[in-house]
N, C-alpha and C. Protein backbone atom coordinates (compact mmCIF):
# COMPACT_ATOMS: atom_id res chain seq x y z
N GLY A 1 117.26 119.08 97.96
CA GLY A 1 118.47 118.54 97.70
C GLY A 1 118.62 117.38 97.07
N LYS A 2 119.77 116.87 96.73
CA LYS A 2 120.11 115.63 95.84
C LYS A 2 119.70 114.49 96.82
N TYR A 3 119.22 113.42 96.42
CA TYR A 3 119.14 112.17 97.14
C TYR A 3 120.38 111.37 96.72
N ILE A 4 120.94 110.82 97.89
CA ILE A 4 121.88 109.90 97.59
C ILE A 4 121.71 108.52 97.96
N THR A 5 121.52 107.56 96.96
CA THR A 5 121.04 106.21 97.04
C THR A 5 122.00 105.64 98.16
N LEU A 6 121.27 104.41 98.49
CA LEU A 6 121.88 103.59 99.51
C LEU A 6 123.35 102.93 98.85
N THR A 7 123.32 102.66 97.57
CA THR A 7 124.53 102.18 96.89
C THR A 7 125.65 103.38 96.93
N GLU A 8 125.20 104.42 96.43
CA GLU A 8 126.04 105.63 96.71
C GLU A 8 126.72 105.65 98.05
N GLN A 9 125.85 105.33 99.00
CA GLN A 9 126.38 105.75 100.49
C GLN A 9 127.29 104.62 100.82
N ILE A 10 126.96 103.49 100.40
CA ILE A 10 127.92 102.24 100.78
C ILE A 10 129.29 102.37 99.86
N LYS A 11 129.27 103.00 98.79
CA LYS A 11 130.65 103.14 98.09
C LYS A 11 131.28 104.14 98.77
N LEU A 12 130.54 105.36 99.22
CA LEU A 12 131.30 106.40 99.88
C LEU A 12 131.97 105.76 101.12
N PHE A 13 131.36 104.91 101.84
CA PHE A 13 131.76 104.05 103.15
C PHE A 13 132.86 103.38 102.72
N GLY A 14 133.09 102.64 101.76
CA GLY A 14 134.09 102.08 101.32
C GLY A 14 135.10 103.09 101.06
N ARG A 15 135.11 104.02 100.37
CA ARG A 15 136.09 104.98 99.97
C ARG A 15 136.60 105.70 101.49
N GLU A 16 135.73 105.86 102.17
CA GLU A 16 136.25 106.41 103.73
C GLU A 16 137.17 105.33 104.26
N ILE A 17 136.85 103.99 104.31
CA ILE A 17 137.69 103.00 104.78
C ILE A 17 138.96 103.27 104.09
N LYS A 18 139.05 103.18 102.75
CA LYS A 18 140.38 103.16 102.30
C LYS A 18 141.36 104.61 102.39
N ARG A 19 140.54 105.67 102.25
CA ARG A 19 141.16 106.87 102.31
C ARG A 19 141.64 107.41 103.84
N ASP A 20 140.53 107.12 104.88
CA ASP A 20 140.69 107.76 106.12
C ASP A 20 141.04 106.77 107.23
N LEU A 21 140.08 105.80 107.36
CA LEU A 21 140.27 104.80 108.34
C LEU A 21 141.47 103.97 108.52
N THR A 22 141.96 103.45 107.44
CA THR A 22 143.26 102.53 107.30
C THR A 22 144.65 103.39 107.94
N SER A 23 144.47 104.76 107.62
CA SER A 23 145.46 105.56 108.22
C SER A 23 145.31 105.82 109.64
N LYS A 24 144.47 105.39 110.44
CA LYS A 24 144.46 105.56 111.78
C LYS A 24 144.71 104.49 112.61
N VAL A 25 145.05 103.37 111.88
CA VAL A 25 145.39 102.10 112.68
C VAL A 25 146.69 101.65 112.14
N ARG A 26 147.24 100.81 112.96
CA ARG A 26 148.75 100.34 112.52
C ARG A 26 148.61 99.17 111.94
N TYR A 27 147.69 98.26 112.23
CA TYR A 27 147.60 97.18 111.37
C TYR A 27 146.22 96.90 110.82
N SER A 28 146.26 96.20 109.69
CA SER A 28 144.71 95.87 109.16
C SER A 28 143.71 95.25 109.91
N THR A 29 144.31 94.34 110.66
CA THR A 29 143.62 93.51 111.56
C THR A 29 142.79 94.41 112.68
N GLU A 30 143.30 95.71 113.12
CA GLU A 30 142.74 96.48 113.97
C GLU A 30 141.55 96.98 113.50
N LEU A 31 141.60 97.54 112.22
CA LEU A 31 140.42 98.02 111.48
C LEU A 31 139.32 97.01 111.26
N SER A 32 139.82 95.74 110.98
CA SER A 32 138.92 94.63 110.77
C SER A 32 138.03 94.52 112.14
N ASP A 33 138.86 94.44 113.07
CA ASP A 33 138.26 94.35 114.47
C ASP A 33 137.35 95.38 114.99
N HIS A 34 137.47 96.64 114.39
CA HIS A 34 136.98 97.59 114.75
C HIS A 34 135.43 97.72 113.97
N LEU A 35 135.51 97.42 112.58
CA LEU A 35 134.39 97.31 111.91
C LEU A 35 133.52 96.21 112.39
N GLN A 36 134.08 95.09 112.66
CA GLN A 36 133.21 93.99 113.26
C GLN A 36 132.45 94.35 114.43
N LYS A 37 133.04 94.90 115.31
CA LYS A 37 132.33 95.39 116.57
C LYS A 37 131.30 96.55 116.42
N SER A 38 131.63 97.31 115.18
CA SER A 38 130.53 98.45 115.14
C SER A 38 129.12 98.01 114.78
N ILE A 39 128.22 98.86 115.09
CA ILE A 39 126.78 98.64 114.72
C ILE A 39 126.47 99.60 113.61
N PHE A 40 125.94 98.94 112.68
CA PHE A 40 125.60 99.67 111.48
C PHE A 40 123.89 99.86 111.59
N ILE A 41 123.40 101.05 111.45
CA ILE A 41 121.94 101.38 111.41
C ILE A 41 121.64 101.73 110.01
N ILE A 42 120.65 101.08 109.43
CA ILE A 42 120.08 101.19 108.18
C ILE A 42 118.52 101.62 108.15
N SER A 43 118.02 102.66 107.68
CA SER A 43 116.68 103.04 107.37
C SER A 43 116.37 103.00 105.84
N ALA A 44 115.75 102.24 105.21
CA ALA A 44 115.92 102.64 103.86
C ALA A 44 114.63 101.99 103.25
N GLY A 45 114.12 102.37 102.11
CA GLY A 45 112.93 101.56 101.37
C GLY A 45 111.68 102.54 101.15
N SER A 46 111.49 103.31 102.24
CA SER A 46 110.38 104.20 102.04
C SER A 46 110.23 105.27 100.96
N ASN A 47 111.57 105.96 100.62
CA ASN A 47 111.44 106.63 99.42
C ASN A 47 111.16 106.00 97.97
N ASP A 48 111.48 104.61 98.23
CA ASP A 48 111.06 103.96 96.88
C ASP A 48 109.60 103.94 96.71
N TYR A 49 108.70 104.14 97.80
CA TYR A 49 107.48 104.08 97.40
C TYR A 49 106.93 105.43 97.56
N ILE A 50 107.26 106.44 98.76
CA ILE A 50 106.66 107.76 98.79
C ILE A 50 107.01 108.54 97.55
N ASN A 51 108.32 108.32 97.23
CA ASN A 51 108.84 109.64 96.08
C ASN A 51 109.01 108.75 94.67
N ASN A 52 108.44 107.36 94.51
CA ASN A 52 108.63 106.62 93.32
C ASN A 52 107.38 105.89 93.04
N PHE A 53 107.11 104.82 93.53
CA PHE A 53 105.98 104.06 93.14
C PHE A 53 104.59 104.66 93.32
N LEU A 54 104.52 105.40 94.32
CA LEU A 54 103.19 106.18 94.62
C LEU A 54 103.10 107.49 94.00
N GLN A 55 104.01 107.70 93.14
CA GLN A 55 103.82 108.88 92.27
C GLN A 55 103.97 108.65 90.56
N PRO A 56 102.88 108.07 90.41
CA PRO A 56 102.78 107.57 88.90
C PRO A 56 102.91 108.88 87.86
N ARG A 57 102.60 109.95 88.35
CA ARG A 57 102.82 111.10 87.32
C ARG A 57 104.10 111.37 86.99
N PHE A 58 105.03 111.02 87.90
CA PHE A 58 106.47 111.26 87.80
C PHE A 58 107.35 110.24 87.58
N TYR A 59 106.87 108.97 87.77
CA TYR A 59 107.79 107.67 87.89
C TYR A 59 107.05 106.78 87.02
N ASP A 60 107.67 105.73 86.40
CA ASP A 60 106.97 104.81 85.68
C ASP A 60 106.92 103.31 86.27
N SER A 61 107.48 103.35 87.58
CA SER A 61 107.69 102.07 88.31
C SER A 61 106.45 101.21 88.48
N SER A 62 105.32 101.91 88.83
CA SER A 62 103.95 101.29 88.98
C SER A 62 103.32 100.85 87.71
N LYS A 63 103.81 101.40 86.67
CA LYS A 63 103.46 100.81 85.37
C LYS A 63 104.10 99.56 84.87
N PHE A 64 105.28 99.19 85.48
CA PHE A 64 105.89 97.88 85.18
C PHE A 64 105.93 96.93 86.23
N TYR A 65 105.50 97.41 87.46
CA TYR A 65 105.16 96.50 88.53
C TYR A 65 104.02 96.64 89.47
N GLN A 66 103.60 95.30 89.64
CA GLN A 66 102.56 95.46 90.67
C GLN A 66 103.33 95.49 92.04
N PRO A 67 102.39 95.71 93.13
CA PRO A 67 103.02 96.02 94.38
C PRO A 67 104.11 94.96 94.89
N LYS A 68 103.46 93.59 94.79
CA LYS A 68 104.32 92.54 95.61
C LYS A 68 105.53 92.25 94.84
N PRO A 69 105.44 92.34 93.26
CA PRO A 69 106.97 92.27 92.53
C PRO A 69 107.80 93.44 92.77
N PHE A 70 107.34 94.54 92.94
CA PHE A 70 107.94 95.58 93.25
C PHE A 70 108.86 95.61 94.59
N ALA A 71 107.89 95.07 95.57
CA ALA A 71 108.63 94.91 96.81
C ALA A 71 109.85 93.75 96.69
N GLU A 72 109.65 92.75 95.96
CA GLU A 72 110.63 91.56 95.75
C GLU A 72 111.77 92.24 95.17
N HIS A 73 111.54 92.96 93.93
CA HIS A 73 112.51 93.85 93.45
C HIS A 73 113.50 94.58 94.22
N LEU A 74 112.80 95.27 95.14
CA LEU A 74 113.63 96.07 96.04
C LEU A 74 114.16 95.32 96.99
N ILE A 75 113.77 94.14 97.58
CA ILE A 75 114.29 93.36 98.61
C ILE A 75 115.76 92.71 97.94
N GLU A 76 115.54 92.14 96.74
CA GLU A 76 116.75 91.73 95.78
C GLU A 76 118.05 92.59 95.93
N ASN A 77 117.39 93.89 95.40
CA ASN A 77 118.61 94.83 95.25
C ASN A 77 119.21 95.12 96.82
N PHE A 78 118.33 95.18 97.70
CA PHE A 78 118.69 95.60 99.22
C PHE A 78 119.69 94.52 99.58
N SER A 79 119.28 93.11 99.29
CA SER A 79 120.13 92.08 99.94
C SER A 79 121.42 92.34 99.12
N GLN A 80 121.68 92.59 98.09
CA GLN A 80 122.96 92.98 97.52
C GLN A 80 123.78 93.91 97.88
N GLN A 81 123.01 94.96 98.37
CA GLN A 81 123.71 96.22 99.10
C GLN A 81 124.20 95.60 100.50
N LEU A 82 123.32 94.85 101.20
CA LEU A 82 123.86 94.53 102.57
C LEU A 82 125.18 93.61 102.41
N LYS A 83 125.26 92.65 101.33
CA LYS A 83 126.33 91.73 101.19
C LYS A 83 127.60 92.58 100.93
N THR A 84 127.26 93.68 100.28
CA THR A 84 128.51 94.67 99.64
C THR A 84 129.09 95.40 101.20
N LEU A 85 128.09 95.67 102.17
CA LEU A 85 128.38 96.18 103.37
C LEU A 85 129.05 95.09 104.20
N TYR A 86 128.69 94.02 104.07
CA TYR A 86 129.46 92.70 104.90
C TYR A 86 130.81 92.43 104.22
N VAL A 87 131.06 92.81 102.98
CA VAL A 87 132.23 92.58 102.26
C VAL A 87 133.27 93.64 102.87
N LEU A 88 132.80 94.72 103.04
CA LEU A 88 133.33 96.09 103.45
C LEU A 88 133.88 95.92 105.04
N GLY A 89 133.38 94.84 105.79
CA GLY A 89 133.77 94.64 107.17
C GLY A 89 132.48 94.63 108.06
N ALA A 90 131.42 95.15 107.82
CA ALA A 90 130.34 95.20 108.66
C ALA A 90 129.90 93.82 108.95
N ARG A 91 129.56 93.50 110.27
CA ARG A 91 129.01 92.45 110.93
C ARG A 91 127.71 92.51 111.71
N LYS A 92 127.68 93.49 112.41
CA LYS A 92 126.46 93.67 113.14
C LYS A 92 125.56 94.94 112.39
N ILE A 93 124.47 94.28 111.76
CA ILE A 93 123.62 95.44 111.03
C ILE A 93 122.12 95.55 111.46
N VAL A 94 121.70 96.74 111.86
CA VAL A 94 120.37 96.73 112.17
C VAL A 94 119.58 97.38 111.07
N VAL A 95 118.50 96.72 110.52
CA VAL A 95 117.67 97.41 109.28
C VAL A 95 116.23 97.39 109.93
N PHE A 96 115.93 98.85 109.70
CA PHE A 96 114.49 99.22 110.16
C PHE A 96 113.52 98.93 109.22
N GLU A 97 112.25 98.51 109.53
CA GLU A 97 111.07 98.39 108.50
C GLU A 97 110.89 99.78 108.09
N ILE A 98 110.02 99.69 107.01
CA ILE A 98 109.28 100.74 106.45
C ILE A 98 108.07 101.00 107.30
N GLY A 99 107.89 102.27 107.57
CA GLY A 99 106.66 102.52 108.52
C GLY A 99 105.46 102.59 107.85
N PRO A 100 104.27 103.24 108.61
CA PRO A 100 103.03 103.16 107.85
C PRO A 100 102.90 104.27 107.11
N ILE A 101 103.40 104.32 105.92
CA ILE A 101 103.76 105.36 104.73
C ILE A 101 102.33 105.81 104.51
N GLY A 102 101.36 105.05 104.51
CA GLY A 102 99.99 105.48 104.25
C GLY A 102 99.33 106.38 105.07
N CYS A 103 100.06 106.64 106.17
CA CYS A 103 99.48 107.64 107.14
C CYS A 103 100.40 108.91 106.93
N ILE A 104 101.29 109.25 106.27
CA ILE A 104 102.00 110.35 106.50
C ILE A 104 101.27 111.39 105.58
N PRO A 105 101.21 112.74 106.15
CA PRO A 105 100.34 113.72 105.32
C PRO A 105 100.68 113.92 103.88
N ALA A 106 101.92 113.54 103.42
CA ALA A 106 102.32 113.41 101.99
C ALA A 106 101.77 112.51 101.13
N ILE A 107 101.17 111.32 101.77
CA ILE A 107 100.38 110.33 101.08
C ILE A 107 98.73 110.57 101.54
N SER A 108 98.54 110.56 102.49
CA SER A 108 97.26 110.45 103.11
C SER A 108 96.25 111.70 102.40
N ARG A 109 97.02 112.91 102.39
CA ARG A 109 96.04 114.14 101.79
C ARG A 109 96.45 114.23 100.45
N THR A 110 97.09 113.28 99.76
CA THR A 110 97.15 113.43 98.26
C THR A 110 96.75 112.23 97.40
N HIS A 111 96.18 111.36 97.97
CA HIS A 111 95.84 110.04 97.36
C HIS A 111 94.41 109.76 97.86
N GLU A 112 93.49 109.22 96.94
CA GLU A 112 92.18 109.04 97.35
C GLU A 112 92.07 107.79 98.02
N HIS A 113 91.46 107.71 99.02
CA HIS A 113 91.26 106.46 100.01
C HIS A 113 90.12 106.67 100.95
N THR A 114 89.72 105.67 101.76
CA THR A 114 88.79 105.91 102.80
C THR A 114 89.49 105.69 103.98
N GLY A 115 89.15 106.47 104.98
CA GLY A 115 89.64 106.53 106.50
C GLY A 115 90.76 107.40 106.57
N GLU A 116 91.50 107.37 107.48
CA GLU A 116 92.48 108.38 107.91
C GLU A 116 93.70 107.97 107.21
N CYS A 117 94.03 106.82 106.98
CA CYS A 117 95.25 106.34 106.17
C CYS A 117 94.86 105.75 104.82
N MET A 118 96.06 105.67 104.09
CA MET A 118 95.97 105.33 102.76
C MET A 118 96.18 103.75 102.92
N GLU A 119 95.17 102.75 103.29
CA GLU A 119 95.57 101.33 103.67
C GLU A 119 96.26 100.69 102.43
N GLU A 120 96.06 101.04 101.18
CA GLU A 120 96.76 100.28 100.33
C GLU A 120 98.37 100.35 100.22
N ALA A 121 98.71 101.75 100.59
CA ALA A 121 100.00 101.93 100.87
C ALA A 121 100.56 101.14 101.98
N ASN A 122 99.80 101.30 103.19
CA ASN A 122 100.25 100.70 104.18
C ASN A 122 100.61 99.09 104.15
N LYS A 123 99.72 98.58 103.33
CA LYS A 123 99.75 96.87 103.00
C LYS A 123 101.07 96.78 102.00
N MET A 124 101.36 97.80 101.38
CA MET A 124 102.58 97.68 100.42
C MET A 124 103.92 97.64 101.62
N ALA A 125 103.66 98.57 102.59
CA ALA A 125 104.84 98.69 103.56
C ALA A 125 104.86 97.26 104.22
N LEU A 126 103.80 96.80 104.52
CA LEU A 126 103.91 95.50 105.40
C LEU A 126 104.28 94.33 104.68
N TYR A 127 103.86 94.28 103.30
CA TYR A 127 104.54 93.28 102.37
C TYR A 127 106.02 93.21 102.28
N PHE A 128 106.61 94.45 102.11
CA PHE A 128 107.93 94.76 102.09
C PHE A 128 108.58 94.43 103.38
N ASN A 129 107.96 94.52 104.69
CA ASN A 129 108.50 94.40 105.71
C ASN A 129 108.63 92.76 105.76
N GLU A 130 107.69 92.09 105.56
CA GLU A 130 107.59 90.65 105.53
C GLU A 130 108.85 90.19 104.92
N LYS A 131 109.02 90.57 103.50
CA LYS A 131 110.20 89.99 102.84
C LYS A 131 111.57 90.43 103.39
N LEU A 132 111.42 91.86 104.08
CA LEU A 132 112.67 92.20 104.65
C LEU A 132 113.07 91.30 105.81
N SER A 133 112.20 90.86 106.59
CA SER A 133 112.44 90.03 107.58
C SER A 133 113.13 88.65 107.30
N ALA A 134 112.53 88.07 106.50
CA ALA A 134 113.08 86.81 105.75
C ALA A 134 114.35 87.09 105.16
N MET A 135 114.54 88.06 104.54
CA MET A 135 115.97 88.36 103.78
C MET A 135 117.01 88.55 104.88
N LEU A 136 116.76 89.10 105.93
CA LEU A 136 117.69 89.41 106.95
C LEU A 136 117.91 88.00 107.64
N LYS A 137 116.99 87.11 107.99
CA LYS A 137 117.45 85.87 108.61
C LYS A 137 118.30 85.15 107.53
N ASN A 138 117.90 85.11 106.31
CA ASN A 138 118.97 84.20 105.33
C ASN A 138 120.26 84.89 105.33
N LEU A 139 120.40 86.28 105.34
CA LEU A 139 121.61 86.68 105.38
C LEU A 139 122.60 86.36 106.79
N THR A 140 121.76 86.40 107.86
CA THR A 140 122.46 86.05 108.91
C THR A 140 122.95 84.54 109.04
N SER A 141 122.08 83.80 108.23
CA SER A 141 122.50 82.26 108.10
C SER A 141 123.55 81.87 107.14
N SER A 142 123.78 82.84 106.19
CA SER A 142 124.52 82.73 104.84
C SER A 142 125.80 83.36 105.24
N LEU A 143 125.97 84.42 105.87
CA LEU A 143 127.19 85.30 105.96
C LEU A 143 127.88 84.92 107.21
N PRO A 144 128.93 84.08 107.40
CA PRO A 144 129.52 83.56 108.49
C PRO A 144 129.87 84.97 109.35
N GLY A 145 129.59 84.85 110.63
CA GLY A 145 130.06 86.00 111.60
C GLY A 145 129.14 87.27 111.59
N SER A 146 127.96 87.13 110.82
CA SER A 146 127.05 88.30 110.74
C SER A 146 125.95 88.19 111.73
N THR A 147 125.26 89.31 112.20
CA THR A 147 123.89 89.32 112.81
C THR A 147 123.40 90.46 112.23
N PHE A 148 122.11 90.18 111.60
CA PHE A 148 121.34 91.13 110.91
C PHE A 148 120.19 91.30 111.92
N VAL A 149 119.80 92.33 112.16
CA VAL A 149 118.50 92.44 113.07
C VAL A 149 117.64 93.51 112.42
N LEU A 150 116.20 92.73 112.80
CA LEU A 150 115.24 93.65 112.21
C LEU A 150 114.70 94.75 113.17
N GLY A 151 114.58 95.95 112.98
CA GLY A 151 114.04 96.82 113.73
C GLY A 151 112.68 97.02 113.34
N GLN A 152 111.61 96.28 114.44
CA GLN A 152 110.31 96.41 114.03
C GLN A 152 109.61 97.74 114.29
N SER A 153 109.67 98.76 113.53
CA SER A 153 109.31 99.99 113.66
C SER A 153 107.77 100.31 113.31
N TYR A 154 107.31 99.67 112.58
CA TYR A 154 105.95 99.79 112.02
C TYR A 154 104.86 99.60 112.94
N SER A 155 104.88 98.75 113.95
CA SER A 155 103.94 98.51 114.63
C SER A 155 104.13 99.41 115.79
N ILE A 156 105.22 99.96 116.11
CA ILE A 156 105.30 101.16 117.02
C ILE A 156 104.71 102.37 116.73
N ILE A 157 104.93 102.69 115.47
CA ILE A 157 104.67 104.02 114.80
C ILE A 157 103.09 103.89 114.49
N ILE A 158 102.60 102.53 114.21
CA ILE A 158 101.16 102.72 113.84
C ILE A 158 100.35 103.09 115.21
N ASP A 159 100.92 102.31 116.24
CA ASP A 159 100.32 102.60 117.56
C ASP A 159 100.33 104.07 117.90
N LEU A 160 101.45 104.63 117.79
CA LEU A 160 101.46 106.07 117.96
C LEU A 160 100.57 106.85 117.37
N TYR A 161 100.43 106.53 116.13
CA TYR A 161 99.41 107.24 115.25
C TYR A 161 97.89 107.15 115.70
N LYS A 162 97.75 105.93 115.93
CA LYS A 162 96.17 105.52 116.57
C LYS A 162 95.98 105.88 117.88
N ASN A 163 96.98 105.85 118.88
CA ASN A 163 96.89 106.32 120.17
C ASN A 163 97.81 107.27 120.77
N PRO A 164 97.73 108.62 120.14
CA PRO A 164 98.78 109.56 120.39
C PRO A 164 98.82 109.93 121.94
N SER A 165 97.66 109.92 122.57
CA SER A 165 97.52 110.43 123.95
C SER A 165 98.10 109.54 124.77
N ILE A 166 98.11 108.23 124.56
CA ILE A 166 98.95 107.32 125.47
C ILE A 166 100.54 107.70 125.63
N TYR A 167 100.88 108.30 124.58
CA TYR A 167 102.29 108.70 124.58
C TYR A 167 102.56 110.06 124.80
N GLY A 168 101.49 110.88 125.38
CA GLY A 168 101.70 112.13 125.74
C GLY A 168 101.49 113.20 124.45
N LEU A 169 100.99 112.62 123.34
CA LEU A 169 100.96 113.57 122.03
C LEU A 169 99.74 114.30 122.16
N ILE A 170 99.65 115.26 121.34
CA ILE A 170 98.14 115.92 121.19
C ILE A 170 97.96 115.96 119.74
N ASP A 171 99.00 115.85 119.05
CA ASP A 171 98.48 115.93 117.48
C ASP A 171 99.18 114.85 116.68
N GLY A 172 98.32 114.02 116.23
CA GLY A 172 98.82 112.85 115.52
C GLY A 172 98.72 112.99 113.97
N ARG A 173 98.20 114.02 113.39
CA ARG A 173 97.56 114.01 112.06
C ARG A 173 98.49 115.36 111.23
N ASN A 174 98.76 116.56 112.08
CA ASN A 174 99.37 117.55 111.20
C ASN A 174 100.74 117.89 111.33
N PRO A 175 101.43 118.11 110.39
CA PRO A 175 102.75 118.50 110.49
C PRO A 175 103.18 119.59 111.50
N CYS A 176 104.15 119.42 112.05
CA CYS A 176 104.47 120.62 113.12
C CYS A 176 104.91 121.90 112.25
N CYS A 177 105.62 121.84 111.17
CA CYS A 177 106.05 123.04 110.72
C CYS A 177 104.95 123.26 109.46
N THR A 178 105.18 124.58 109.19
CA THR A 178 104.27 124.99 108.08
C THR A 178 105.08 124.70 106.68
N THR A 179 104.13 123.78 105.94
CA THR A 179 104.77 123.26 104.99
C THR A 179 104.40 123.65 103.38
N TRP A 180 105.23 123.21 102.28
CA TRP A 180 104.62 123.73 100.88
C TRP A 180 103.34 122.87 100.67
N GLN A 181 102.60 123.28 99.87
CA GLN A 181 101.46 122.63 99.18
C GLN A 181 100.44 122.18 100.15
N HIS A 182 100.13 123.07 101.09
CA HIS A 182 98.93 122.94 101.99
C HIS A 182 99.20 121.75 102.82
N GLY A 183 100.36 121.36 103.63
CA GLY A 183 100.75 120.34 104.50
C GLY A 183 100.92 119.17 103.91
N THR A 184 101.30 119.41 102.64
CA THR A 184 101.64 117.92 101.93
C THR A 184 103.27 117.82 101.66
N SER A 185 103.94 118.57 101.99
CA SER A 185 105.31 118.73 101.60
C SER A 185 106.37 118.99 102.59
N ALA A 186 107.51 119.39 102.18
CA ALA A 186 108.61 119.86 103.16
C ALA A 186 108.36 121.28 103.93
N CYS A 187 109.10 121.39 104.89
CA CYS A 187 108.75 122.76 105.71
C CYS A 187 109.49 124.02 104.77
N ILE A 188 108.48 125.01 104.93
CA ILE A 188 108.95 126.38 104.19
C ILE A 188 109.92 126.91 104.87
N PRO A 189 111.11 127.28 104.45
CA PRO A 189 112.31 127.74 105.14
C PRO A 189 111.96 129.17 105.64
N PHE A 190 112.59 129.22 106.89
CA PHE A 190 112.37 130.53 107.66
C PHE A 190 111.23 130.84 108.54
N LEU A 191 110.14 129.76 108.16
CA LEU A 191 108.93 130.16 109.09
C LEU A 191 109.17 129.20 110.32
N ARG A 192 108.50 129.70 111.63
CA ARG A 192 108.64 129.24 112.65
C ARG A 192 107.61 127.93 112.80
N PRO A 193 108.17 126.89 113.24
CA PRO A 193 107.60 125.59 113.45
C PRO A 193 106.49 125.95 114.61
N CYS A 194 106.07 124.72 114.81
CA CYS A 194 104.93 124.75 116.07
C CYS A 194 105.82 124.97 117.31
N MET A 195 105.28 125.23 118.28
CA MET A 195 106.16 125.59 119.60
C MET A 195 106.24 124.25 120.42
N ASN A 196 105.63 123.18 120.32
CA ASN A 196 105.63 122.12 120.86
C ASN A 196 105.80 120.77 120.19
N PRO A 197 107.00 120.57 119.32
CA PRO A 197 107.24 119.59 118.28
C PRO A 197 107.24 118.19 119.27
N SER A 198 107.33 118.16 120.42
CA SER A 198 107.57 116.92 121.30
C SER A 198 105.99 116.69 121.60
N LYS A 199 105.01 117.20 121.15
CA LYS A 199 103.64 116.76 121.23
C LYS A 199 103.09 116.34 119.74
N HIS A 200 104.08 116.54 118.83
CA HIS A 200 103.37 116.02 117.41
C HIS A 200 104.10 114.80 116.83
N ILE A 201 103.48 113.88 116.09
CA ILE A 201 103.94 112.83 115.44
C ILE A 201 104.98 113.42 114.01
N PHE A 202 104.33 113.99 113.58
CA PHE A 202 104.85 114.42 112.32
C PHE A 202 105.62 115.83 112.29
N TRP A 203 106.87 115.81 111.60
CA TRP A 203 107.50 117.31 111.70
C TRP A 203 107.08 117.96 110.53
N ASP A 204 107.42 117.31 109.28
CA ASP A 204 106.70 117.85 108.01
C ASP A 204 105.77 116.82 107.39
N ALA A 205 105.54 116.83 106.20
CA ALA A 205 104.50 115.89 105.71
C ALA A 205 105.25 114.50 105.44
N PHE A 206 106.61 114.38 105.58
CA PHE A 206 107.11 113.02 105.17
C PHE A 206 107.76 112.47 106.64
N HIS A 207 108.25 113.26 107.38
CA HIS A 207 109.33 112.80 108.51
C HIS A 207 108.54 113.02 110.00
N LEU A 208 108.80 112.00 110.72
CA LEU A 208 108.35 111.96 111.91
C LEU A 208 109.41 113.00 112.77
N THR A 209 108.72 113.35 114.12
CA THR A 209 109.39 114.21 115.15
C THR A 209 110.41 113.30 115.72
N GLU A 210 111.33 114.02 116.58
CA GLU A 210 112.47 113.41 117.33
C GLU A 210 111.56 112.48 118.58
N VAL A 211 110.76 112.95 118.97
CA VAL A 211 110.11 111.92 120.14
C VAL A 211 109.44 110.75 119.62
N VAL A 212 109.20 110.61 118.31
CA VAL A 212 108.79 109.30 117.68
C VAL A 212 109.77 108.57 117.68
N TYR A 213 110.92 109.13 117.03
CA TYR A 213 112.11 108.29 116.90
C TYR A 213 112.69 107.74 118.17
N SER A 214 112.42 108.62 119.20
CA SER A 214 113.12 108.11 120.44
C SER A 214 112.14 107.22 121.09
N VAL A 215 111.05 107.06 120.76
CA VAL A 215 110.34 105.87 121.25
C VAL A 215 110.73 104.40 120.55
N VAL A 216 110.99 104.61 119.34
CA VAL A 216 111.33 103.60 118.59
C VAL A 216 112.91 103.21 118.83
N ALA A 217 113.56 104.20 119.09
CA ALA A 217 114.96 103.70 119.60
C ALA A 217 115.24 103.21 120.88
N SER A 218 114.32 103.57 121.79
CA SER A 218 114.37 103.18 123.14
C SER A 218 114.00 101.68 123.24
N ARG A 219 112.96 101.32 122.43
CA ARG A 219 112.27 99.93 122.43
C ARG A 219 113.34 99.02 121.86
N CYS A 220 113.84 99.53 120.82
CA CYS A 220 114.86 98.51 120.01
C CYS A 220 116.08 98.46 120.75
N PHE A 221 116.30 99.41 121.65
CA PHE A 221 117.62 99.32 122.48
C PHE A 221 117.41 98.19 123.53
N ARG A 222 116.45 98.32 124.16
CA ARG A 222 116.03 97.33 125.26
C ARG A 222 115.32 95.95 125.12
N ASN A 223 114.72 96.03 123.99
CA ASN A 223 113.55 95.02 123.78
C ASN A 223 113.76 94.12 122.69
N SER A 224 113.97 92.95 122.92
CA SER A 224 114.11 92.08 121.58
C SER A 224 113.04 91.65 120.87
N SER A 225 111.68 91.97 121.41
CA SER A 225 110.39 91.96 120.65
C SER A 225 110.35 93.11 119.59
N SER A 226 111.05 94.24 119.86
CA SER A 226 110.99 95.24 118.95
C SER A 226 112.24 95.37 118.13
N CYS A 227 113.21 94.73 118.48
CA CYS A 227 114.57 94.61 117.45
C CYS A 227 114.73 92.94 117.59
N SER A 228 114.61 92.51 116.78
CA SER A 228 114.74 90.98 116.85
C SER A 228 115.80 90.24 115.74
N PRO A 229 116.36 89.34 116.03
CA PRO A 229 116.33 88.40 117.18
C PRO A 229 116.94 89.13 118.38
N VAL A 230 117.86 90.02 118.44
CA VAL A 230 118.35 90.66 119.60
C VAL A 230 118.08 91.98 119.74
N SER A 231 118.13 92.75 120.87
CA SER A 231 117.97 94.29 120.95
C SER A 231 119.44 94.74 120.90
N ILE A 232 119.49 95.92 120.46
CA ILE A 232 120.80 96.61 120.49
C ILE A 232 121.84 96.24 121.65
N GLN A 233 120.95 96.53 122.79
CA GLN A 233 121.78 96.30 124.11
C GLN A 233 122.65 94.82 123.99
N GLU A 234 121.79 93.95 123.46
CA GLU A 234 122.40 92.59 123.39
C GLU A 234 123.33 92.31 122.39
N LEU A 235 123.06 93.04 121.28
CA LEU A 235 123.76 93.28 120.02
C LEU A 235 125.23 93.83 120.29
N VAL A 236 125.54 94.61 121.19
CA VAL A 236 126.74 95.07 121.58
C VAL A 236 127.68 93.84 122.08
N LYS A 237 127.15 93.06 122.92
CA LYS A 237 127.90 91.99 123.54
C LYS A 237 128.16 90.86 122.65
N ILE A 238 127.57 90.77 121.59
CA ILE A 238 128.04 89.61 120.52
C ILE A 238 129.64 89.86 119.95
């Protein structure tokens, strides 16, 4: 299917505000209050690596950028996108880190490396996350009334990957579904997936299973060390 960029998604959201949400309230202040109380969840950035920077046969980005300048370029664009969302009325925004992309089958099984994960790709994710953290702190301090929260998902997911049995998982390496290209791509339609997806980390070669996202969401909801500077539970009260 077609990728919808974050910029396009924000434009569609702005259109939705004008076309639909404004007609559901009597006064513009009601809509403004509603948006300010809403919590916006964003997970972005991994595709810029998985389906771009780390695919030099198909994209030129790695020819023009070294990993760190590429991350800085992404963060600058991301910052502008979040500012646009703020202008549209968002005030409580949770942004999740990029996970350990070097461990997903789509990368670990298709790129040369030593060990179980492509650590070079994981280092790219960590540098992006470092810049993301600084950027969110800067936005919170510079945009009045805003609270930008960092969802620290990298450390949670890498722990799941390294210690699956602690979480009741039995397979931390293989996709649950049968995928194209020998376990390195998306699920093949109409084929039965594994019988116990709750015991797997990976759904296909790119995406995690529901149980993994549940662990991340649960910690972020309750724990300010997983979502900082405040948990989702605390963010609701702001």
